[in-house]
Amino acid sequence: PSYNVPVTVCHELAHLRGFMREDEANFIAYYACTRSPDVRLQYSGTMLALVHAGNALVKADRTAAAALRDSYSEQVLRDLSANNAYWARFDDKPLSELSEKTNDAYLKANGQTDGTRSYGRMVDLLTQDYDVVVRYQGGGNAGHTVVNDLGKFALHLLPSGIFRQGVV
């Protein structure tokens, strides 16, 4: 979709400047676009963030994601639909699985140990500027496993953002 062109160009330019991790290139693209005086670039960057944050929310809480999606404008819904239709064209199961494995191997061969899993980590970069984290919905089984310098932690009732320094 045309709204995606500016942020995609910025993403690839970030790679050319030496930022090889996909989450970093995505965040740099988001940052560059949303700081532009051009509203079309701002929209492009914001949509990238919305897609990544929305995908993360769907994994954590489908009901909350659906409720949030109901608040989107008609234009945003049209653009998200166009984005989904674009990517659905490549959803030939055997070919898409091969492509995914190839891209994952390529990223790992180039020093990105997380491979394609790193794409979803843009949400961590988006939230780094916040100093308060709140857990929203989910039961005792909801949560994430965090692995950091302190060890491995299975969180169920606490938000994973508590591991950031200076976060309440």
N, C-alpha and C. Protein backbone atom coordinates (compact mmCIF):
# COMPACT_ATOMS: atom_id res chain seq x y z
N PRO A 1 0.82 -1.20 0.00
CA PRO A 1 0.00 0.00 0.00
C PRO A 1 0.86 1.26 0.00
N SER A 2 0.38 2.29 -0.65
CA SER A 2 1.20 3.49 -0.83
C SER A 2 1.57 4.17 0.49
N TYR A 3 0.72 4.08 1.52
CA TYR A 3 1.07 4.72 2.79
C TYR A 3 2.32 4.09 3.41
N ASN A 4 2.64 2.87 3.01
CA ASN A 4 3.77 2.12 3.57
C ASN A 4 5.11 2.48 2.92
N VAL A 5 5.08 3.15 1.77
CA VAL A 5 6.32 3.42 1.03
C VAL A 5 7.31 4.27 1.84
N PRO A 6 6.89 5.40 2.42
CA PRO A 6 7.88 6.21 3.15
C PRO A 6 8.58 5.47 4.29
N VAL A 7 7.81 4.74 5.11
CA VAL A 7 8.41 4.06 6.24
C VAL A 7 9.28 2.89 5.79
N THR A 8 8.91 2.26 4.68
CA THR A 8 9.73 1.17 4.14
C THR A 8 11.06 1.71 3.62
N VAL A 9 11.02 2.85 2.94
CA VAL A 9 12.26 3.48 2.46
C VAL A 9 13.15 3.84 3.65
N CYS A 10 12.57 4.43 4.69
CA CYS A 10 13.36 4.78 5.87
C CYS A 10 13.94 3.55 6.55
N HIS A 11 13.17 2.46 6.59
CA HIS A 11 13.64 1.20 7.16
C HIS A 11 14.87 0.71 6.41
N GLU A 12 14.79 0.70 5.10
CA GLU A 12 15.92 0.21 4.29
C GLU A 12 17.12 1.15 4.39
N LEU A 13 16.87 2.45 4.48
CA LEU A 13 17.97 3.41 4.67
C LEU A 13 18.67 3.18 6.02
N ALA A 14 17.90 2.81 7.04
CA ALA A 14 18.51 2.50 8.34
C ALA A 14 19.47 1.32 8.20
N HIS A 15 19.06 0.31 7.42
CA HIS A 15 19.97 -0.82 7.16
C HIS A 15 21.24 -0.34 6.47
N LEU A 16 21.08 0.53 5.48
CA LEU A 16 22.25 1.04 4.74
C LEU A 16 23.19 1.82 5.64
N ARG A 17 22.65 2.42 6.71
CA ARG A 17 23.48 3.18 7.65
C ARG A 17 24.09 2.29 8.72
N GLY A 18 23.85 0.96 8.61
CA GLY A 18 24.51 0.03 9.52
C GLY A 18 23.64 -0.54 10.62
N PHE A 19 22.37 -0.20 10.67
CA PHE A 19 21.47 -0.76 11.68
C PHE A 19 20.85 -2.02 11.10
N MET A 20 21.44 -3.16 11.40
CA MET A 20 21.04 -4.41 10.76
C MET A 20 19.86 -5.09 11.44
N ARG A 21 19.68 -4.87 12.73
CA ARG A 21 18.56 -5.52 13.42
C ARG A 21 17.24 -4.96 12.90
N GLU A 22 16.29 -5.85 12.65
CA GLU A 22 15.01 -5.45 12.08
C GLU A 22 14.21 -4.56 13.03
N ASP A 23 14.23 -4.86 14.32
CA ASP A 23 13.50 -4.02 15.26
C ASP A 23 14.06 -2.61 15.30
N GLU A 24 15.39 -2.49 15.22
CA GLU A 24 16.02 -1.17 15.22
C GLU A 24 15.71 -0.41 13.94
N ALA A 25 15.79 -1.09 12.80
CA ALA A 25 15.48 -0.44 11.53
C ALA A 25 14.02 0.01 11.50
N ASN A 26 13.12 -0.81 12.03
CA ASN A 26 11.71 -0.41 12.11
C ASN A 26 11.53 0.81 13.01
N PHE A 27 12.19 0.79 14.17
CA PHE A 27 12.04 1.92 15.08
C PHE A 27 12.62 3.20 14.49
N ILE A 28 13.77 3.10 13.86
CA ILE A 28 14.38 4.27 13.23
C ILE A 28 13.46 4.82 12.15
N ALA A 29 12.86 3.93 11.36
CA ALA A 29 11.92 4.36 10.32
C ALA A 29 10.71 5.05 10.94
N TYR A 30 10.17 4.46 11.99
CA TYR A 30 9.04 5.08 12.70
C TYR A 30 9.44 6.46 13.20
N TYR A 31 10.58 6.53 13.86
CA TYR A 31 11.04 7.79 14.47
C TYR A 31 11.25 8.87 13.41
N ALA A 32 11.94 8.50 12.32
CA ALA A 32 12.21 9.49 11.26
C ALA A 32 10.91 9.98 10.64
N CYS A 33 10.00 9.08 10.37
CA CYS A 33 8.74 9.48 9.73
C CYS A 33 7.87 10.33 10.65
N THR A 34 7.76 9.94 11.90
CA THR A 34 6.88 10.69 12.81
C THR A 34 7.45 12.04 13.20
N ARG A 35 8.74 12.25 12.97
CA ARG A 35 9.34 13.56 13.27
C ARG A 35 9.37 14.46 12.03
N SER A 36 8.92 13.97 10.91
CA SER A 36 8.90 14.74 9.68
C SER A 36 7.80 15.80 9.73
N PRO A 37 8.02 16.94 9.07
CA PRO A 37 6.93 17.93 8.99
C PRO A 37 5.82 17.50 8.02
N ASP A 38 6.10 16.49 7.20
CA ASP A 38 5.13 16.03 6.21
C ASP A 38 4.14 15.06 6.86
N VAL A 39 2.87 15.40 6.85
CA VAL A 39 1.85 14.59 7.52
C VAL A 39 1.74 13.19 6.90
N ARG A 40 2.06 13.04 5.62
CA ARG A 40 2.00 11.72 4.99
C ARG A 40 3.08 10.81 5.56
N LEU A 41 4.27 11.35 5.82
CA LEU A 41 5.32 10.55 6.45
C LEU A 41 4.96 10.23 7.90
N GLN A 42 4.38 11.20 8.60
CA GLN A 42 3.95 10.97 9.98
C GLN A 42 2.95 9.81 10.03
N TYR A 43 2.01 9.82 9.10
CA TYR A 43 1.00 8.76 9.04
C TYR A 43 1.65 7.41 8.75
N SER A 44 2.58 7.39 7.83
CA SER A 44 3.27 6.16 7.46
C SER A 44 3.99 5.56 8.67
N GLY A 45 4.71 6.38 9.40
CA GLY A 45 5.42 5.90 10.59
C GLY A 45 4.46 5.46 11.68
N THR A 46 3.40 6.20 11.87
CA THR A 46 2.42 5.85 12.89
C THR A 46 1.73 4.54 12.56
N MET A 47 1.46 4.31 11.29
CA MET A 47 0.82 3.05 10.88
C MET A 47 1.74 1.86 11.13
N LEU A 48 3.04 2.04 10.90
CA LEU A 48 3.98 0.96 11.20
C LEU A 48 3.92 0.61 12.68
N ALA A 49 3.94 1.63 13.54
CA ALA A 49 3.85 1.40 14.98
C ALA A 49 2.52 0.75 15.34
N LEU A 50 1.44 1.20 14.71
CA LEU A 50 0.13 0.64 15.00
C LEU A 50 0.06 -0.84 14.63
N VAL A 51 0.62 -1.20 13.50
CA VAL A 51 0.61 -2.60 13.07
C VAL A 51 1.39 -3.46 14.06
N HIS A 52 2.59 -3.02 14.44
CA HIS A 52 3.41 -3.81 15.36
C HIS A 52 2.78 -3.89 16.75
N ALA A 53 2.29 -2.76 17.27
CA ALA A 53 1.66 -2.77 18.58
C ALA A 53 0.36 -3.58 18.54
N GLY A 54 -0.38 -3.44 17.46
CA GLY A 54 -1.62 -4.20 17.31
C GLY A 54 -1.38 -5.69 17.26
N ASN A 55 -0.35 -6.11 16.53
CA ASN A 55 -0.01 -7.54 16.47
C ASN A 55 0.37 -8.07 17.85
N ALA A 56 1.12 -7.27 18.60
CA ALA A 56 1.51 -7.68 19.96
C ALA A 56 0.28 -7.78 20.85
N LEU A 57 -0.66 -6.85 20.71
CA LEU A 57 -1.86 -6.87 21.53
C LEU A 57 -2.74 -8.07 21.19
N VAL A 58 -2.84 -8.40 19.91
CA VAL A 58 -3.63 -9.57 19.50
C VAL A 58 -3.09 -10.83 20.17
N LYS A 59 -1.77 -10.96 20.22
CA LYS A 59 -1.16 -12.14 20.86
C LYS A 59 -1.46 -12.17 22.35
N ALA A 60 -1.51 -10.99 22.98
CA ALA A 60 -1.71 -10.91 24.43
C ALA A 60 -3.18 -10.96 24.83
N ASP A 61 -4.03 -10.29 24.03
CA ASP A 61 -5.44 -10.17 24.43
C ASP A 61 -6.29 -9.82 23.20
N ARG A 62 -6.85 -10.83 22.56
CA ARG A 62 -7.65 -10.63 21.34
C ARG A 62 -8.85 -9.72 21.59
N THR A 63 -9.49 -9.84 22.75
CA THR A 63 -10.67 -9.03 23.05
C THR A 63 -10.30 -7.56 23.13
N ALA A 64 -9.22 -7.24 23.82
CA ALA A 64 -8.78 -5.84 23.92
C ALA A 64 -8.38 -5.31 22.56
N ALA A 65 -7.72 -6.15 21.75
CA ALA A 65 -7.30 -5.73 20.41
C ALA A 65 -8.52 -5.42 19.55
N ALA A 66 -9.55 -6.25 19.64
CA ALA A 66 -10.77 -6.02 18.86
C ALA A 66 -11.47 -4.74 19.31
N ALA A 67 -11.50 -4.51 20.62
CA ALA A 67 -12.13 -3.29 21.14
C ALA A 67 -11.39 -2.05 20.67
N LEU A 68 -10.08 -2.12 20.69
CA LEU A 68 -9.28 -0.98 20.24
C LEU A 68 -9.48 -0.76 18.74
N ARG A 69 -9.50 -1.82 17.97
CA ARG A 69 -9.68 -1.72 16.52
C ARG A 69 -11.02 -1.06 16.19
N ASP A 70 -12.03 -1.27 17.01
CA ASP A 70 -13.34 -0.64 16.78
C ASP A 70 -13.27 0.87 16.88
N SER A 71 -12.22 1.39 17.51
CA SER A 71 -12.09 2.85 17.65
C SER A 71 -11.33 3.50 16.49
N TYR A 72 -10.79 2.69 15.57
CA TYR A 72 -10.01 3.23 14.45
C TYR A 72 -10.93 3.95 13.46
N SER A 73 -10.37 4.94 12.80
CA SER A 73 -11.13 5.66 11.76
C SER A 73 -11.32 4.75 10.55
N GLU A 74 -12.26 5.12 9.70
CA GLU A 74 -12.52 4.35 8.48
C GLU A 74 -11.28 4.30 7.60
N GLN A 75 -10.54 5.41 7.51
CA GLN A 75 -9.33 5.44 6.67
C GLN A 75 -8.28 4.48 7.20
N VAL A 76 -8.07 4.47 8.49
CA VAL A 76 -7.09 3.55 9.08
C VAL A 76 -7.52 2.10 8.82
N LEU A 77 -8.80 1.82 9.00
CA LEU A 77 -9.30 0.46 8.73
C LEU A 77 -9.11 0.07 7.27
N ARG A 78 -9.36 1.00 6.34
CA ARG A 78 -9.13 0.72 4.92
C ARG A 78 -7.66 0.44 4.64
N ASP A 79 -6.79 1.24 5.24
CA ASP A 79 -5.36 1.04 5.01
C ASP A 79 -4.86 -0.27 5.61
N LEU A 80 -5.34 -0.61 6.79
CA LEU A 80 -4.97 -1.89 7.40
C LEU A 80 -5.49 -3.06 6.56
N SER A 81 -6.69 -2.91 6.03
CA SER A 81 -7.25 -3.94 5.16
C SER A 81 -6.41 -4.09 3.90
N ALA A 82 -5.99 -2.97 3.31
CA ALA A 82 -5.13 -3.01 2.12
C ALA A 82 -3.79 -3.66 2.45
N ASN A 83 -3.26 -3.36 3.61
CA ASN A 83 -2.00 -3.96 4.04
C ASN A 83 -2.15 -5.48 4.19
N ASN A 84 -3.24 -5.91 4.83
CA ASN A 84 -3.49 -7.34 4.99
C ASN A 84 -3.67 -8.03 3.64
N ALA A 85 -4.38 -7.38 2.73
CA ALA A 85 -4.59 -7.95 1.40
C ALA A 85 -3.27 -8.07 0.65
N TYR A 86 -2.41 -7.06 0.80
CA TYR A 86 -1.10 -7.10 0.15
C TYR A 86 -0.31 -8.32 0.61
N TRP A 87 -0.22 -8.50 1.92
CA TRP A 87 0.56 -9.60 2.46
C TRP A 87 -0.10 -10.96 2.23
N ALA A 88 -1.42 -10.99 2.13
CA ALA A 88 -2.13 -12.26 1.87
C ALA A 88 -1.75 -12.84 0.51
N ARG A 89 -1.35 -11.99 -0.41
CA ARG A 89 -0.94 -12.47 -1.74
C ARG A 89 0.27 -13.39 -1.65
N PHE A 90 1.05 -13.26 -0.60
CA PHE A 90 2.26 -14.05 -0.44
C PHE A 90 2.06 -15.21 0.52
N ASP A 91 0.82 -15.49 0.84
CA ASP A 91 0.53 -16.49 1.86
C ASP A 91 0.34 -17.89 1.29
N ASP A 92 1.08 -18.21 0.26
CA ASP A 92 1.13 -19.57 -0.26
C ASP A 92 1.90 -20.38 0.78
N LYS A 93 1.23 -21.29 1.48
CA LYS A 93 1.81 -21.94 2.67
C LYS A 93 3.22 -22.50 2.45
N PRO A 94 3.44 -23.39 1.48
CA PRO A 94 4.80 -23.93 1.34
C PRO A 94 5.83 -22.85 0.98
N LEU A 95 5.43 -21.94 0.09
CA LEU A 95 6.36 -20.89 -0.34
C LEU A 95 6.61 -19.89 0.79
N SER A 96 5.56 -19.52 1.53
CA SER A 96 5.75 -18.55 2.61
C SER A 96 6.58 -19.15 3.74
N GLU A 97 6.40 -20.45 4.01
CA GLU A 97 7.22 -21.11 5.03
C GLU A 97 8.69 -21.15 4.61
N LEU A 98 8.94 -21.44 3.33
CA LEU A 98 10.30 -21.45 2.82
C LEU A 98 10.91 -20.05 2.89
N SER A 99 10.13 -19.05 2.49
CA SER A 99 10.60 -17.67 2.55
C SER A 99 10.93 -17.25 3.98
N GLU A 100 10.06 -17.61 4.92
CA GLU A 100 10.27 -17.30 6.34
C GLU A 100 11.56 -17.94 6.85
N LYS A 101 11.76 -19.21 6.52
CA LYS A 101 12.96 -19.92 6.96
C LYS A 101 14.22 -19.33 6.33
N THR A 102 14.12 -18.96 5.06
CA THR A 102 15.26 -18.37 4.36
C THR A 102 15.63 -17.02 4.98
N ASN A 103 14.62 -16.18 5.21
CA ASN A 103 14.87 -14.88 5.82
C ASN A 103 15.43 -15.04 7.23
N ASP A 104 14.89 -15.98 8.00
CA ASP A 104 15.37 -16.23 9.35
C ASP A 104 16.84 -16.65 9.33
N ALA A 105 17.18 -17.56 8.42
CA ALA A 105 18.58 -18.01 8.29
C ALA A 105 19.49 -16.88 7.85
N TYR A 106 19.01 -16.05 6.92
CA TYR A 106 19.80 -14.90 6.45
C TYR A 106 20.10 -13.94 7.60
N LEU A 107 19.06 -13.61 8.38
CA LEU A 107 19.26 -12.69 9.50
C LEU A 107 20.24 -13.27 10.52
N LYS A 108 20.09 -14.55 10.84
CA LYS A 108 20.98 -15.19 11.80
C LYS A 108 22.41 -15.26 11.28
N ALA A 109 22.58 -15.51 9.99
CA ALA A 109 23.91 -15.57 9.38
C ALA A 109 24.59 -14.21 9.41
N ASN A 110 23.78 -13.15 9.50
CA ASN A 110 24.32 -11.80 9.53
C ASN A 110 24.34 -11.21 10.93
N GLY A 111 24.42 -12.09 11.92
CA GLY A 111 24.64 -11.65 13.30
C GLY A 111 23.40 -11.27 14.07
N GLN A 112 22.22 -11.47 13.51
CA GLN A 112 20.99 -11.15 14.22
C GLN A 112 20.45 -12.46 14.80
N THR A 113 20.91 -12.79 16.00
CA THR A 113 20.66 -14.11 16.57
C THR A 113 19.18 -14.44 16.75
N ASP A 114 18.33 -13.44 16.87
CA ASP A 114 16.90 -13.68 17.05
C ASP A 114 16.18 -13.94 15.73
N GLY A 115 16.86 -13.74 14.62
CA GLY A 115 16.24 -13.98 13.32
C GLY A 115 14.98 -13.15 13.14
N THR A 116 13.96 -13.77 12.57
CA THR A 116 12.72 -13.04 12.27
C THR A 116 11.93 -12.68 13.52
N ARG A 117 12.22 -13.29 14.66
CA ARG A 117 11.54 -12.91 15.90
C ARG A 117 11.82 -11.46 16.27
N SER A 118 12.90 -10.91 15.76
CA SER A 118 13.27 -9.54 16.11
C SER A 118 12.30 -8.50 15.54
N TYR A 119 11.54 -8.86 14.50
CA TYR A 119 10.60 -7.89 13.94
C TYR A 119 9.61 -7.40 15.00
N GLY A 120 9.12 -8.29 15.83
CA GLY A 120 8.13 -7.95 16.83
C GLY A 120 8.67 -7.16 18.00
N ARG A 121 9.96 -7.06 18.11
CA ARG A 121 10.55 -6.37 19.26
C ARG A 121 10.51 -4.86 19.12
N MET A 122 9.98 -4.37 18.02
CA MET A 122 9.86 -2.93 17.86
C MET A 122 8.98 -2.34 18.96
N VAL A 123 8.02 -3.11 19.43
CA VAL A 123 7.13 -2.62 20.49
C VAL A 123 7.93 -2.28 21.74
N ASP A 124 8.96 -3.07 22.05
CA ASP A 124 9.82 -2.75 23.19
C ASP A 124 10.49 -1.40 23.01
N LEU A 125 10.93 -1.12 21.79
CA LEU A 125 11.57 0.17 21.53
C LEU A 125 10.56 1.31 21.58
N LEU A 126 9.34 1.07 21.12
CA LEU A 126 8.30 2.10 21.17
C LEU A 126 7.97 2.50 22.60
N THR A 127 8.04 1.56 23.52
CA THR A 127 7.62 1.85 24.89
C THR A 127 8.77 2.29 25.80
N GLN A 128 9.96 2.39 25.28
CA GLN A 128 11.11 2.70 26.14
C GLN A 128 11.07 4.10 26.74
N ASP A 129 10.31 5.00 26.17
CA ASP A 129 10.28 6.36 26.70
C ASP A 129 9.28 6.57 27.83
N TYR A 130 8.60 5.51 28.22
CA TYR A 130 7.60 5.62 29.27
C TYR A 130 8.17 5.16 30.60
N ASP A 131 7.78 5.84 31.68
CA ASP A 131 8.34 5.50 32.98
C ASP A 131 7.33 4.84 33.92
N VAL A 132 6.14 4.56 33.41
CA VAL A 132 5.13 3.85 34.18
C VAL A 132 4.57 2.74 33.29
N VAL A 133 4.49 1.54 33.83
CA VAL A 133 3.89 0.43 33.09
C VAL A 133 2.70 -0.08 33.88
N VAL A 134 1.67 -0.47 33.16
CA VAL A 134 0.44 -0.95 33.78
C VAL A 134 0.02 -2.22 33.07
N ARG A 135 -0.40 -3.18 33.84
CA ARG A 135 -0.92 -4.41 33.26
C ARG A 135 -2.40 -4.21 33.02
N TYR A 136 -2.86 -4.54 31.83
CA TYR A 136 -4.27 -4.35 31.48
C TYR A 136 -4.88 -5.69 31.13
N GLN A 137 -5.87 -6.10 31.84
CA GLN A 137 -6.64 -7.33 31.63
C GLN A 137 -5.76 -8.58 31.69
N GLY A 138 -6.34 -9.68 31.25
CA GLY A 138 -5.64 -10.96 31.28
C GLY A 138 -5.76 -11.61 32.65
N GLY A 139 -5.83 -12.90 32.67
CA GLY A 139 -5.93 -13.63 33.92
C GLY A 139 -4.57 -14.05 34.44
N GLY A 140 -4.58 -14.96 35.39
CA GLY A 140 -3.36 -15.44 36.01
C GLY A 140 -2.45 -16.19 35.05
N ASN A 141 -2.99 -16.67 33.94
CA ASN A 141 -2.16 -17.38 32.95
C ASN A 141 -1.58 -16.46 31.90
N ALA A 142 -2.03 -15.22 31.85
CA ALA A 142 -1.49 -14.28 30.87
C ALA A 142 -0.10 -13.86 31.32
N GLY A 143 0.74 -13.55 30.40
CA GLY A 143 2.05 -13.06 30.78
C GLY A 143 3.11 -13.40 29.77
N HIS A 144 4.32 -13.07 30.12
CA HIS A 144 5.46 -13.25 29.24
C HIS A 144 6.62 -13.85 30.03
N THR A 145 7.52 -14.47 29.31
CA THR A 145 8.76 -14.90 29.91
C THR A 145 9.83 -13.91 29.50
N VAL A 146 10.53 -13.38 30.47
CA VAL A 146 11.58 -12.41 30.23
C VAL A 146 12.91 -13.06 30.58
N VAL A 147 13.87 -12.95 29.67
CA VAL A 147 15.22 -13.43 29.93
C VAL A 147 16.13 -12.21 29.82
N ASN A 148 16.84 -11.93 30.90
CA ASN A 148 17.76 -10.79 30.89
C ASN A 148 19.01 -11.13 31.71
N ASP A 149 19.83 -10.14 32.00
CA ASP A 149 21.07 -10.36 32.74
C ASP A 149 20.82 -10.91 34.15
N LEU A 150 19.63 -10.71 34.66
CA LEU A 150 19.31 -11.15 36.01
C LEU A 150 18.81 -12.59 36.06
N GLY A 151 18.42 -13.13 34.89
CA GLY A 151 17.93 -14.51 34.85
C GLY A 151 16.72 -14.65 33.95
N LYS A 152 15.94 -15.69 34.21
CA LYS A 152 14.74 -15.98 33.42
C LYS A 152 13.54 -15.86 34.34
N PHE A 153 12.54 -15.07 33.93
CA PHE A 153 11.39 -14.78 34.77
C PHE A 153 10.10 -15.04 34.00
N ALA A 154 9.23 -15.89 34.55
CA ALA A 154 7.90 -16.13 33.98
C ALA A 154 6.93 -15.21 34.71
N LEU A 155 6.45 -14.22 34.00
CA LEU A 155 5.56 -13.22 34.61
C LEU A 155 4.11 -13.54 34.26
N HIS A 156 3.26 -13.46 35.25
CA HIS A 156 1.83 -13.69 35.01
C HIS A 156 1.00 -12.49 35.42
N LEU A 157 1.30 -11.89 36.54
CA LEU A 157 0.51 -10.76 37.01
C LEU A 157 1.24 -9.43 36.92
N LEU A 158 2.52 -9.47 36.63
CA LEU A 158 3.31 -8.24 36.52
C LEU A 158 3.62 -7.95 35.06
N PRO A 159 3.59 -6.68 34.65
CA PRO A 159 3.97 -6.35 33.28
C PRO A 159 5.48 -6.48 33.09
N SER A 160 5.89 -6.94 31.91
CA SER A 160 7.31 -7.17 31.67
C SER A 160 8.12 -5.87 31.69
N GLY A 161 7.47 -4.73 31.53
CA GLY A 161 8.17 -3.45 31.54
C GLY A 161 8.83 -3.10 32.86
N ILE A 162 8.51 -3.85 33.92
CA ILE A 162 9.11 -3.55 35.24
C ILE A 162 10.60 -3.76 35.24
N PHE A 163 11.13 -4.49 34.25
CA PHE A 163 12.56 -4.73 34.21
C PHE A 163 13.36 -3.55 33.66
N ARG A 164 12.66 -2.55 33.13
CA ARG A 164 13.37 -1.38 32.63
C ARG A 164 13.79 -0.52 33.81
N GLN A 165 14.99 -0.01 33.75
CA GLN A 165 15.51 0.82 34.82
C GLN A 165 14.69 2.10 34.92
N GLY A 166 14.31 2.47 36.12
CA GLY A 166 13.57 3.69 36.35
C GLY A 166 12.08 3.59 36.08
N VAL A 167 11.58 2.39 35.85
CA VAL A 167 10.15 2.21 35.56
C VAL A 167 9.41 1.82 36.82
N VAL A 168 8.25 2.41 36.99
CA VAL A 168 7.38 2.11 38.12
C VAL A 168 6.28 1.18 37.62
